[in-house]
Amino acid sequence: MIKAVLKTNGDGVYQGFEVSGHSGSNERGKDIICAAVSSIVQATLIGIEEVAGINDTYRIDDGYVKCDIPSDISEKQSLQVQTLIATMHLGLKSIAMQYHNFVRIKED
């Protein structure tokens, strides 16, 4: 089971996310659910670094990604990060709707 936790403040502003686990829907290298989730999450991390210009926000391990957004970023960076994570959230929701036995999303 892949579990995604999106961290927000009291106003619904994304402060980071954590994605862990494997779907187990197929063998390693042939698991389209894991591939889809990984692609969306990695694209988000690339956007945070390359578009918003925010570095050193995440940790990656096998079946695990944790990203914490610093609080001291500019308003422009914040808008970019919010858009990137919101888009990731929508993509993950789409996968979870189709593969609800393999992907769970929690807003924290």
PDB file of N, CA and C in Angstrom:
ATOM      1  N   MET A   1       0.853  -1.183   0.000  1.00  0.00           N
ATOM      2  CA  MET A   1       0.000   0.000   0.000  1.00  0.00           C
ATOM      3  C   MET A   1       0.892   1.237   0.000  1.00  0.00           C
ATOM      4  N   ILE A   2       0.591   2.155  -0.899  1.00  0.00           N
ATOM      5  CA  ILE A   2       1.265   3.448  -0.924  1.00  0.00           C
ATOM      6  C   ILE A   2       0.428   4.412  -0.104  1.00  0.00           C
ATOM      7  N   LYS A   3       1.083   5.107   0.826  1.00  0.00           N
ATOM      8  CA  LYS A   3       0.402   6.082   1.666  1.00  0.00           C
ATOM      9  C   LYS A   3       1.023   7.446   1.432  1.00  0.00           C
ATOM     10  N   ALA A   4       0.179   8.408   1.106  1.00  0.00           N
ATOM     11  CA  ALA A   4       0.623   9.786   0.911  1.00  0.00           C
ATOM     12  C   ALA A   4      -0.024  10.654   1.976  1.00  0.00           C
ATOM     13  N   VAL A   5       0.794  11.410   2.683  1.00  0.00           N
ATOM     14  CA  VAL A   5       0.304  12.341   3.690  1.00  0.00           C
ATOM     15  C   VAL A   5       0.715  13.736   3.242  1.00  0.00           C
ATOM     16  N   LEU A   6      -0.265  14.596   3.039  1.00  0.00           N
ATOM     17  CA  LEU A   6      -0.006  15.987   2.646  1.00  0.00           C
ATOM     18  C   LEU A   6      -0.178  16.858   3.881  1.00  0.00           C
ATOM     19  N   LYS A   7       0.888  17.548   4.255  1.00  0.00           N
ATOM     20  CA  LYS A   7       0.874  18.373   5.456  1.00  0.00           C
ATOM     21  C   LYS A   7       0.470  19.793   5.103  1.00  0.00           C
ATOM     22  N   THR A   8      -0.532  20.305   5.833  1.00  0.00           N
ATOM     23  CA  THR A   8      -0.990  21.680   5.639  1.00  0.00           C
ATOM     24  C   THR A   8      -1.049  22.398   6.980  1.00  0.00           C
ATOM     25  N   ASN A   9      -1.065  23.728   6.908  1.00  0.00           N
ATOM     26  CA  ASN A   9      -1.297  24.486   8.133  1.00  0.00           C
ATOM     27  C   ASN A   9      -2.797  24.639   8.322  1.00  0.00           C
ATOM     28  N   GLY A  10      -3.226  25.378   9.275  1.00  0.00           N
ATOM     29  CA  GLY A  10      -4.654  25.543   9.549  1.00  0.00           C
ATOM     30  C   GLY A  10      -5.429  26.227   8.438  1.00  0.00           C
ATOM     31  N   ASP A  11      -4.707  26.909   7.551  1.00  0.00           N
ATOM     32  CA  ASP A  11      -5.361  27.625   6.445  1.00  0.00           C
ATOM     33  C   ASP A  11      -5.345  26.832   5.146  1.00  0.00           C
ATOM     34  N   GLY A  12      -4.922  25.573   5.190  1.00  0.00           N
ATOM     35  CA  GLY A  12      -4.891  24.742   3.996  1.00  0.00           C
ATOM     36  C   GLY A  12      -3.677  24.956   3.112  1.00  0.00           C
ATOM     37  N   VAL A  13      -2.667  25.657   3.610  1.00  0.00           N
ATOM     38  CA  VAL A  13      -1.442  25.896   2.850  1.00  0.00           C
ATOM     39  C   VAL A  13      -0.521  24.685   3.018  1.00  0.00           C
ATOM     40  N   TYR A  14      -0.088  24.128   1.894  1.00  0.00           N
ATOM     41  CA  TYR A  14       0.796  22.965   1.950  1.00  0.00           C
ATOM     42  C   TYR A  14       2.141  23.336   2.568  1.00  0.00           C
ATOM     43  N   GLN A  15       2.578  22.507   3.520  1.00  0.00           N
ATOM     44  CA  GLN A  15       3.867  22.699   4.170  1.00  0.00           C
ATOM     45  C   GLN A  15       4.830  21.566   3.850  1.00  0.00           C
ATOM     46  N   GLY A  16       4.349  20.546   3.171  1.00  0.00           N
ATOM     47  CA  GLY A  16       5.191  19.420   2.797  1.00  0.00           C
ATOM     48  C   GLY A  16       4.355  18.185   2.578  1.00  0.00           C
ATOM     49  N   PHE A  17       5.051  17.073   2.353  1.00  0.00           N
ATOM     50  CA  PHE A  17       4.358  15.810   2.141  1.00  0.00           C
ATOM     51  C   PHE A  17       5.295  14.646   2.427  1.00  0.00           C
ATOM     52  N   GLU A  18       4.678  13.487   2.621  1.00  0.00           N
ATOM     53  CA  GLU A  18       5.418  12.248   2.852  1.00  0.00           C
ATOM     54  C   GLU A  18       4.698  11.140   2.093  1.00  0.00           C
ATOM     55  N   VAL A  19       5.429  10.398   1.291  1.00  0.00           N
ATOM     56  CA  VAL A  19       4.869   9.294   0.526  1.00  0.00           C
ATOM     57  C   VAL A  19       5.701   8.065   0.840  1.00  0.00           C
ATOM     58  N   SER A  20       5.013   6.971   1.226  1.00  0.00           N
ATOM     59  CA  SER A  20       5.758   5.773   1.611  1.00  0.00           C
ATOM     60  C   SER A  20       5.046   4.509   1.155  1.00  0.00           C
ATOM     61  N   GLY A  21       5.832   3.463   1.003  1.00  0.00           N
ATOM     62  CA  GLY A  21       5.294   2.154   0.683  1.00  0.00           C
ATOM     63  C   GLY A  21       5.381   1.809  -0.789  1.00  0.00           C
ATOM     64  N   HIS A  22       4.943   0.617  -1.084  1.00  0.00           N
ATOM     65  CA  HIS A  22       4.870   0.101  -2.450  1.00  0.00           C
ATOM     66  C   HIS A  22       3.459  -0.428  -2.657  1.00  0.00           C
ATOM     67  N   SER A  23       2.961  -0.345  -3.857  1.00  0.00           N
ATOM     68  CA  SER A  23       1.585  -0.789  -4.095  1.00  0.00           C
ATOM     69  C   SER A  23       1.476  -2.306  -4.027  1.00  0.00           C
ATOM     70  N   GLY A  24       2.509  -3.001  -4.494  1.00  0.00           N
ATOM     71  CA  GLY A  24       2.449  -4.462  -4.507  1.00  0.00           C
ATOM     72  C   GLY A  24       1.489  -5.008  -5.546  1.00  0.00           C
ATOM     73  N   SER A  25       1.118  -4.181  -6.525  1.00  0.00           N
ATOM     74  CA  SER A  25       0.167  -4.642  -7.534  1.00  0.00           C
ATOM     75  C   SER A  25       0.820  -5.503  -8.614  1.00  0.00           C
ATOM     76  N   ASN A  26       2.147  -5.452  -8.666  1.00  0.00           N
ATOM     77  CA  ASN A  26       2.885  -6.257  -9.639  1.00  0.00           C
ATOM     78  C   ASN A  26       4.330  -6.351  -9.167  1.00  0.00           C
ATOM     79  N   GLU A  27       5.129  -7.138  -9.836  1.00  0.00           N
ATOM     80  CA  GLU A  27       6.526  -7.285  -9.449  1.00  0.00           C
ATOM     81  C   GLU A  27       7.286  -5.998  -9.729  1.00  0.00           C
ATOM     82  N   ARG A  28       8.389  -5.839  -9.019  1.00  0.00           N
ATOM     83  CA  ARG A  28       9.230  -4.648  -9.157  1.00  0.00           C
ATOM     84  C   ARG A  28       9.632  -4.473 -10.624  1.00  0.00           C
ATOM     85  N   GLY A  29       9.506  -3.251 -11.115  1.00  0.00           N
ATOM     86  CA  GLY A  29       9.835  -2.953 -12.500  1.00  0.00           C
ATOM     87  C   GLY A  29       8.647  -3.072 -13.443  1.00  0.00           C
ATOM     88  N   LYS A  30       7.556  -3.679 -12.973  1.00  0.00           N
ATOM     89  CA  LYS A  30       6.354  -3.826 -13.802  1.00  0.00           C
ATOM     90  C   LYS A  30       5.122  -3.249 -13.116  1.00  0.00           C
ATOM     91  N   ASP A  31       5.332  -2.565 -12.022  1.00  0.00           N
ATOM     92  CA  ASP A  31       4.236  -2.028 -11.219  1.00  0.00           C
ATOM     93  C   ASP A  31       3.865  -0.636 -11.711  1.00  0.00           C
ATOM     94  N   ILE A  32       2.795  -0.548 -12.502  1.00  0.00           N
ATOM     95  CA  ILE A  32       2.424   0.739 -13.092  1.00  0.00           C
ATOM     96  C   ILE A  32       1.904   1.730 -12.049  1.00  0.00           C
ATOM     97  N   ILE A  33       1.359   1.238 -10.961  1.00  0.00           N
ATOM     98  CA  ILE A  33       0.859   2.139  -9.917  1.00  0.00           C
ATOM     99  C   ILE A  33       2.033   2.824  -9.224  1.00  0.00           C
ATOM    100  N   CYS A  34       3.038   2.041  -8.848  1.00  0.00           N
ATOM    101  CA  CYS A  34       4.236   2.628  -8.238  1.00  0.00           C
ATOM    102  C   CYS A  34       4.919   3.589  -9.204  1.00  0.00           C
ATOM    103  N   ALA A  35       4.983   3.203 -10.467  1.00  0.00           N
ATOM    104  CA  ALA A  35       5.618   4.058 -11.472  1.00  0.00           C
ATOM    105  C   ALA A  35       4.871   5.384 -11.607  1.00  0.00           C
ATOM    106  N   ALA A  36       3.556   5.334 -11.619  1.00  0.00           N
ATOM    107  CA  ALA A  36       2.758   6.553 -11.756  1.00  0.00           C
ATOM    108  C   ALA A  36       2.943   7.470 -10.552  1.00  0.00           C
ATOM    109  N   VAL A  37       2.853   6.901  -9.361  1.00  0.00           N
ATOM    110  CA  VAL A  37       3.024   7.699  -8.144  1.00  0.00           C
ATOM    111  C   VAL A  37       4.435   8.278  -8.091  1.00  0.00           C
ATOM    112  N   SER A  38       5.434   7.454  -8.376  1.00  0.00           N
ATOM    113  CA  SER A  38       6.822   7.925  -8.357  1.00  0.00           C
ATOM    114  C   SER A  38       7.034   9.064  -9.338  1.00  0.00           C
ATOM    115  N   SER A  39       6.482   8.946 -10.521  1.00  0.00           N
ATOM    116  CA  SER A  39       6.645   9.996 -11.533  1.00  0.00           C
ATOM    117  C   SER A  39       6.042  11.317 -11.078  1.00  0.00           C
ATOM    118  N   ILE A  40       4.854  11.260 -10.524  1.00  0.00           N
ATOM    119  CA  ILE A  40       4.199  12.482 -10.057  1.00  0.00           C
ATOM    120  C   ILE A  40       4.982  13.121  -8.915  1.00  0.00           C
ATOM    121  N   VAL A  41       5.403  12.316  -7.964  1.00  0.00           N
ATOM    122  CA  VAL A  41       6.137  12.840  -6.808  1.00  0.00           C
ATOM    123  C   VAL A  41       7.488  13.394  -7.241  1.00  0.00           C
ATOM    124  N   GLN A  42       8.208  12.676  -8.077  1.00  0.00           N
ATOM    125  CA  GLN A  42       9.521  13.154  -8.525  1.00  0.00           C
ATOM    126  C   GLN A  42       9.401  14.423  -9.363  1.00  0.00           C
ATOM    127  N   ALA A  43       8.379  14.512 -10.200  1.00  0.00           N
ATOM    128  CA  ALA A  43       8.166  15.735 -10.978  1.00  0.00           C
ATOM    129  C   ALA A  43       7.907  16.920 -10.050  1.00  0.00           C
ATOM    130  N   THR A  44       7.188  16.687  -8.972  1.00  0.00           N
ATOM    131  CA  THR A  44       6.926  17.742  -7.992  1.00  0.00           C
ATOM    132  C   THR A  44       8.224  18.200  -7.333  1.00  0.00           C
ATOM    133  N   LEU A  45       9.058  17.247  -6.943  1.00  0.00           N
ATOM    134  CA  LEU A  45      10.343  17.599  -6.320  1.00  0.00           C
ATOM    135  C   LEU A  45      11.231  18.376  -7.289  1.00  0.00           C
ATOM    136  N   ILE A  46      11.244  17.963  -8.555  1.00  0.00           N
ATOM    137  CA  ILE A  46      12.029  18.690  -9.566  1.00  0.00           C
ATOM    138  C   ILE A  46      11.494  20.109  -9.711  1.00  0.00           C
ATOM    139  N   GLY A  47      10.181  20.263  -9.720  1.00  0.00           N
ATOM    140  CA  GLY A  47       9.586  21.589  -9.815  1.00  0.00           C
ATOM    141  C   GLY A  47       9.935  22.470  -8.630  1.00  0.00           C
ATOM    142  N   ILE A  48       9.928  21.889  -7.434  1.00  0.00           N
ATOM    143  CA  ILE A  48      10.280  22.654  -6.234  1.00  0.00           C
ATOM    144  C   ILE A  48      11.713  23.168  -6.347  1.00  0.00           C
ATOM    145  N   GLU A  49      12.607  22.331  -6.864  1.00  0.00           N
ATOM    146  CA  GLU A  49      14.004  22.755  -7.015  1.00  0.00           C
ATOM    147  C   GLU A  49      14.203  23.680  -8.217  1.00  0.00           C
ATOM    148  N   GLU A  50      13.737  23.258  -9.383  1.00  0.00           N
ATOM    149  CA  GLU A  50      14.062  23.954 -10.625  1.00  0.00           C
ATOM    150  C   GLU A  50      13.157  25.153 -10.917  1.00  0.00           C
ATOM    151  N   VAL A  51      11.894  25.074 -10.568  1.00  0.00           N
ATOM    152  CA  VAL A  51      10.971  26.184 -10.841  1.00  0.00           C
ATOM    153  C   VAL A  51      10.971  27.176  -9.677  1.00  0.00           C
ATOM    154  N   ALA A  52      10.773  26.661  -8.464  1.00  0.00           N
ATOM    155  CA  ALA A  52      10.703  27.542  -7.293  1.00  0.00           C
ATOM    156  C   ALA A  52      12.082  27.904  -6.750  1.00  0.00           C
ATOM    157  N   GLY A  53      13.114  27.140  -7.139  1.00  0.00           N
ATOM    158  CA  GLY A  53      14.472  27.449  -6.680  1.00  0.00           C
ATOM    159  C   GLY A  53      14.717  27.152  -5.217  1.00  0.00           C
ATOM    160  N   ILE A  54      14.018  26.153  -4.696  1.00  0.00           N
ATOM    161  CA  ILE A  54      14.175  25.781  -3.287  1.00  0.00           C
ATOM    162  C   ILE A  54      14.898  24.430  -3.229  1.00  0.00           C
ATOM    163  N   ASN A  55      16.043  24.403  -2.587  1.00  0.00           N
ATOM    164  CA  ASN A  55      16.857  23.190  -2.539  1.00  0.00           C
ATOM    165  C   ASN A  55      16.861  22.560  -1.152  1.00  0.00           C
ATOM    166  N   ASP A  56      17.298  21.310  -1.117  1.00  0.00           N
ATOM    167  CA  ASP A  56      17.478  20.570   0.137  1.00  0.00           C
ATOM    168  C   ASP A  56      16.199  20.479   0.965  1.00  0.00           C
ATOM    169  N   THR A  57      15.077  20.201   0.300  1.00  0.00           N
ATOM    170  CA  THR A  57      13.805  20.125   1.015  1.00  0.00           C
ATOM    171  C   THR A  57      13.355  18.697   1.241  1.00  0.00           C
ATOM    172  N   TYR A  58      14.046  17.715   0.649  1.00  0.00           N
ATOM    173  CA  TYR A  58      13.501  16.364   0.686  1.00  0.00           C
ATOM    174  C   TYR A  58      14.550  15.300   0.988  1.00  0.00           C
ATOM    175  N   ARG A  59      14.006  14.146   1.366  1.00  0.00           N
ATOM    176  CA  ARG A  59      14.813  12.946   1.608  1.00  0.00           C
ATOM    177  C   ARG A  59      14.141  11.801   0.860  1.00  0.00           C
ATOM    178  N   ILE A  60      14.927  11.039   0.111  1.00  0.00           N
ATOM    179  CA  ILE A  60      14.404   9.911  -0.650  1.00  0.00           C
ATOM    180  C   ILE A  60      15.123   8.640  -0.220  1.00  0.00           C
ATOM    181  N   ASP A  61      14.344   7.579  -0.075  1.00  0.00           N
ATOM    182  CA  ASP A  61      14.861   6.243   0.204  1.00  0.00           C
ATOM    183  C   ASP A  61      13.976   5.271  -0.568  1.00  0.00           C
ATOM    184  N   ASP A  62      14.281   4.012  -0.525  1.00  0.00           N
ATOM    185  CA  ASP A  62      13.475   3.024  -1.235  1.00  0.00           C
ATOM    186  C   ASP A  62      12.048   3.031  -0.693  1.00  0.00           C
ATOM    187  N   GLY A  63      11.106   3.399  -1.534  1.00  0.00           N
ATOM    188  CA  GLY A  63       9.706   3.419  -1.125  1.00  0.00           C
ATOM    189  C   GLY A  63       9.367   4.530  -0.156  1.00  0.00           C
ATOM    190  N   TYR A  64      10.157   5.597  -0.142  1.00  0.00           N
ATOM    191  CA  TYR A  64       9.918   6.669   0.836  1.00  0.00           C
ATOM    192  C   TYR A  64      10.411   8.011   0.298  1.00  0.00           C
ATOM    193  N   VAL A  65       9.571   9.029   0.429  1.00  0.00           N
ATOM    194  CA  VAL A  65       9.949  10.416   0.121  1.00  0.00           C
ATOM    195  C   VAL A  65       9.321  11.302   1.181  1.00  0.00           C
ATOM    196  N   LYS A  66      10.125  12.204   1.726  1.00  0.00           N
ATOM    197  CA  LYS A  66       9.600  13.204   2.660  1.00  0.00           C
ATOM    198  C   LYS A  66      10.104  14.564   2.207  1.00  0.00           C
ATOM    199  N   CYS A  67       9.195  15.513   2.109  1.00  0.00           N
ATOM    200  CA  CYS A  67       9.527  16.870   1.680  1.00  0.00           C
ATOM    201  C   CYS A  67       8.935  17.861   2.678  1.00  0.00           C
ATOM    202  N   ASP A  68       9.789  18.738   3.180  1.00  0.00           N
ATOM    203  CA  ASP A  68       9.350  19.804   4.083  1.00  0.00           C
ATOM    204  C   ASP A  68       9.683  21.138   3.443  1.00  0.00           C
ATOM    205  N   ILE A  69       8.686  21.979   3.314  1.00  0.00           N
ATOM    206  CA  ILE A  69       8.867  23.285   2.691  1.00  0.00           C
ATOM    207  C   ILE A  69       9.278  24.287   3.772  1.00  0.00           C
ATOM    208  N   PRO A  70      10.390  24.995   3.550  1.00  0.00           N
ATOM    209  CA  PRO A  70      10.823  25.985   4.545  1.00  0.00           C
ATOM    210  C   PRO A  70       9.799  27.117   4.690  1.00  0.00           C
ATOM    211  N   SER A  71       9.742  27.692   5.848  1.00  0.00           N
ATOM    212  CA  SER A  71       8.780  28.772   6.092  1.00  0.00           C
ATOM    213  C   SER A  71       9.309  30.133   5.640  1.00  0.00           C
ATOM    214  N   ASP A  72      10.592  30.232   5.369  1.00  0.00           N
ATOM    215  CA  ASP A  72      11.196  31.519   5.035  1.00  0.00           C
ATOM    216  C   ASP A  72      11.385  31.728   3.528  1.00  0.00           C
ATOM    217  N   ILE A  73      10.448  31.234   2.731  1.00  0.00           N
ATOM    218  CA  ILE A  73      10.549  31.416   1.280  1.00  0.00           C
ATOM    219  C   ILE A  73       9.756  32.650   0.856  1.00  0.00           C
ATOM    220  N   SER A  74      10.050  33.137  -0.333  1.00  0.00           N
ATOM    221  CA  SER A  74       9.367  34.339  -0.818  1.00  0.00           C
ATOM    222  C   SER A  74       7.907  34.017  -1.168  1.00  0.00           C
ATOM    223  N   GLU A  75       7.130  35.066  -1.355  1.00  0.00           N
ATOM    224  CA  GLU A  75       5.724  34.886  -1.726  1.00  0.00           C
ATOM    225  C   GLU A  75       5.622  34.200  -3.092  1.00  0.00           C
ATOM    226  N   LYS A  76       6.493  34.593  -4.018  1.00  0.00           N
ATOM    227  CA  LYS A  76       6.506  33.976  -5.343  1.00  0.00           C
ATOM    228  C   LYS A  76       6.824  32.482  -5.241  1.00  0.00           C
ATOM    229  N   GLN A  77       7.834  32.138  -4.461  1.00  0.00           N
ATOM    230  CA  GLN A  77       8.188  30.730  -4.274  1.00  0.00           C
ATOM    231  C   GLN A  77       7.039  29.969  -3.630  1.00  0.00           C
ATOM    232  N   SER A  78       6.388  30.594  -2.665  1.00  0.00           N
ATOM    233  CA  SER A  78       5.266  29.952  -1.984  1.00  0.00           C
ATOM    234  C   SER A  78       4.136  29.647  -2.969  1.00  0.00           C
ATOM    235  N   LEU A  79       3.819  30.592  -3.829  1.00  0.00           N
ATOM    236  CA  LEU A  79       2.770  30.368  -4.835  1.00  0.00           C
ATOM    237  C   LEU A  79       3.154  29.229  -5.782  1.00  0.00           C
ATOM    238  N   GLN A  80       4.413  29.196  -6.174  1.00  0.00           N
ATOM    239  CA  GLN A  80       4.879  28.127  -7.060  1.00  0.00           C
ATOM    240  C   GLN A  80       4.790  26.767  -6.365  1.00  0.00           C
ATOM    241  N   VAL A  81       5.241  26.707  -5.121  1.00  0.00           N
ATOM    242  CA  VAL A  81       5.201  25.452  -4.360  1.00  0.00           C
ATOM    243  C   VAL A  81       3.766  25.000  -4.145  1.00  0.00           C
ATOM    244  N   GLN A  82       2.876  25.929  -3.818  1.00  0.00           N
ATOM    245  CA  GLN A  82       1.473  25.572  -3.596  1.00  0.00           C
ATOM    246  C   GLN A  82       0.866  24.983  -4.866  1.00  0.00           C
ATOM    247  N   THR A  83       1.190  25.565  -6.007  1.00  0.00           N
ATOM    248  CA  THR A  83       0.684  25.057  -7.281  1.00  0.00           C
ATOM    249  C   THR A  83       1.245  23.674  -7.574  1.00  0.00           C
ATOM    250  N   LEU A  84       2.529  23.493  -7.364  1.00  0.00           N
ATOM    251  CA  LEU A  84       3.166  22.200  -7.626  1.00  0.00           C
ATOM    252  C   LEU A  84       2.579  21.102  -6.744  1.00  0.00           C
ATOM    253  N   ILE A  85       2.466  21.359  -5.444  1.00  0.00           N
ATOM    254  CA  ILE A  85       1.961  20.323  -4.533  1.00  0.00           C
ATOM    255  C   ILE A  85       0.468  20.087  -4.765  1.00  0.00           C
ATOM    256  N   ALA A  86      -0.282  21.141  -5.060  1.00  0.00           N
ATOM    257  CA  ALA A  86      -1.710  20.958  -5.360  1.00  0.00           C
ATOM    258  C   ALA A  86      -1.890  20.088  -6.602  1.00  0.00           C
ATOM    259  N   THR A  87      -1.059  20.293  -7.605  1.00  0.00           N
ATOM    260  CA  THR A  87      -1.124  19.483  -8.817  1.00  0.00           C
ATOM    261  C   THR A  87      -0.755  18.031  -8.503  1.00  0.00           C
ATOM    262  N   MET A  88       0.281  17.830  -7.691  1.00  0.00           N
ATOM    263  CA  MET A  88       0.644  16.480  -7.263  1.00  0.00           C
ATOM    264  C   MET A  88      -0.525  15.830  -6.531  1.00  0.00           C
ATOM    265  N   HIS A  89      -1.164  16.584  -5.651  1.00  0.00           N
ATOM    266  CA  HIS A  89      -2.292  16.082  -4.875  1.00  0.00           C
ATOM    267  C   HIS A  89      -3.416  15.611  -5.808  1.00  0.00           C
ATOM    268  N   LEU A  90      -3.725  16.415  -6.815  1.00  0.00           N
ATOM    269  CA  LEU A  90      -4.769  16.031  -7.775  1.00  0.00           C
ATOM    270  C   LEU A  90      -4.385  14.769  -8.544  1.00  0.00           C
ATOM    271  N   GLY A  91      -3.124  14.674  -8.948  1.00  0.00           N
ATOM    272  CA  GLY A  91      -2.659  13.478  -9.655  1.00  0.00           C
ATOM    273  C   GLY A  91      -2.747  12.238  -8.789  1.00  0.00           C
ATOM    274  N   LEU A  92      -2.325  12.367  -7.537  1.00  0.00           N
ATOM    275  CA  LEU A  92      -2.401  11.224  -6.615  1.00  0.00           C
ATOM    276  C   LEU A  92      -3.848  10.834  -6.337  1.00  0.00           C
ATOM    277  N   LYS A  93      -4.738  11.834  -6.202  1.00  0.00           N
ATOM    278  CA  LYS A  93      -6.158  11.538  -6.002  1.00  0.00           C
ATOM    279  C   LYS A  93      -6.722  10.747  -7.182  1.00  0.00           C
ATOM    280  N   SER A  94      -6.328  11.123  -8.375  1.00  0.00           N
ATOM    281  CA  SER A  94      -6.796  10.436  -9.572  1.00  0.00           C
ATOM    282  C   SER A  94      -6.358   8.972  -9.565  1.00  0.00           C
ATOM    283  N   ILE A  95      -5.121   8.734  -9.196  1.00  0.00           N
ATOM    284  CA  ILE A  95      -4.624   7.354  -9.121  1.00  0.00           C
ATOM    285  C   ILE A  95      -5.350   6.603  -8.012  1.00  0.00           C
ATOM    286  N   ALA A  96      -5.512   7.241  -6.857  1.00  0.00           N
ATOM    287  CA  ALA A  96      -6.172   6.594  -5.716  1.00  0.00           C
ATOM    288  C   ALA A  96      -7.626   6.250  -6.019  1.00  0.00           C
ATOM    289  N   MET A  97      -8.296   7.072  -6.818  1.00  0.00           N
ATOM    290  CA  MET A  97      -9.684   6.773  -7.176  1.00  0.00           C
ATOM    291  C   MET A  97      -9.762   5.501  -8.017  1.00  0.00           C
ATOM    292  N   GLN A  98      -8.821   5.344  -8.906  1.00  0.00           N
ATOM    293  CA  GLN A  98      -8.829   4.183  -9.782  1.00  0.00           C
ATOM    294  C   GLN A  98      -8.252   2.940  -9.103  1.00  0.00           C
ATOM    295  N   TYR A  99      -7.293   3.137  -8.225  1.00  0.00           N
ATOM    296  CA  TYR A  99      -6.599   2.021  -7.569  1.00  0.00           C
ATOM    297  C   TYR A  99      -6.674   2.167  -6.052  1.00  0.00           C
ATOM    298  N   HIS A 100      -7.901   2.292  -5.534  1.00  0.00           N
ATOM    299  CA  HIS A 100      -8.104   2.568  -4.113  1.00  0.00           C
ATOM    300  C   HIS A 100      -7.573   1.468  -3.186  1.00  0.00           C
ATOM    301  N   ASN A 101      -7.373   0.276  -3.672  1.00  0.00           N
ATOM    302  CA  ASN A 101      -6.812  -0.798  -2.834  1.00  0.00           C
ATOM    303  C   ASN A 101      -5.305  -0.689  -2.703  1.00  0.00           C
ATOM    304  N   PHE A 102      -4.688   0.211  -3.466  1.00  0.00           N
ATOM    305  CA  PHE A 102      -3.235   0.296  -3.489  1.00  0.00           C
ATOM    306  C   PHE A 102      -2.674   1.653  -3.077  1.00  0.00           C
ATOM    307  N   VAL A 103      -3.503   2.693  -3.080  1.00  0.00           N
ATOM    308  CA  VAL A 103      -3.044   4.057  -2.778  1.00  0.00           C
ATOM    309  C   VAL A 103      -4.027   4.729  -1.825  1.00  0.00           C
ATOM    310  N   ARG A 104      -3.491   5.314  -0.747  1.00  0.00           N
ATOM    311  CA  ARG A 104      -4.302   6.070   0.218  1.00  0.00           C
ATOM    312  C   ARG A 104      -3.689   7.446   0.382  1.00  0.00           C
ATOM    313  N   ILE A 105      -4.548   8.451   0.476  1.00  0.00           N
ATOM    314  CA  ILE A 105      -4.093   9.820   0.667  1.00  0.00           C
ATOM    315  C   ILE A 105      -4.728  10.383   1.930  1.00  0.00           C
ATOM    316  N   LYS A 106      -3.897  11.045   2.713  1.00  0.00           N
ATOM    317  CA  LYS A 106      -4.375  11.665   3.958  1.00  0.00           C
ATOM    318  C   LYS A 106      -3.906  13.116   3.970  1.00  0.00           C
ATOM    319  N   GLU A 107      -4.796  13.992   4.362  1.00  0.00           N
ATOM    320  CA  GLU A 107      -4.431  15.395   4.547  1.00  0.00           C
ATOM    321  C   GLU A 107      -4.284  15.636   6.028  1.00  0.00           C
ATOM    322  N   ASP A 108      -3.119  16.130   6.403  1.00  0.00           N
ATOM    323  CA  ASP A 108      -2.793  16.280   7.821  1.00  0.00           C
ATOM    324  C   ASP A 108      -2.581  17.739   8.161  1.00  0.00           C
TER     325      ASP A 108
END
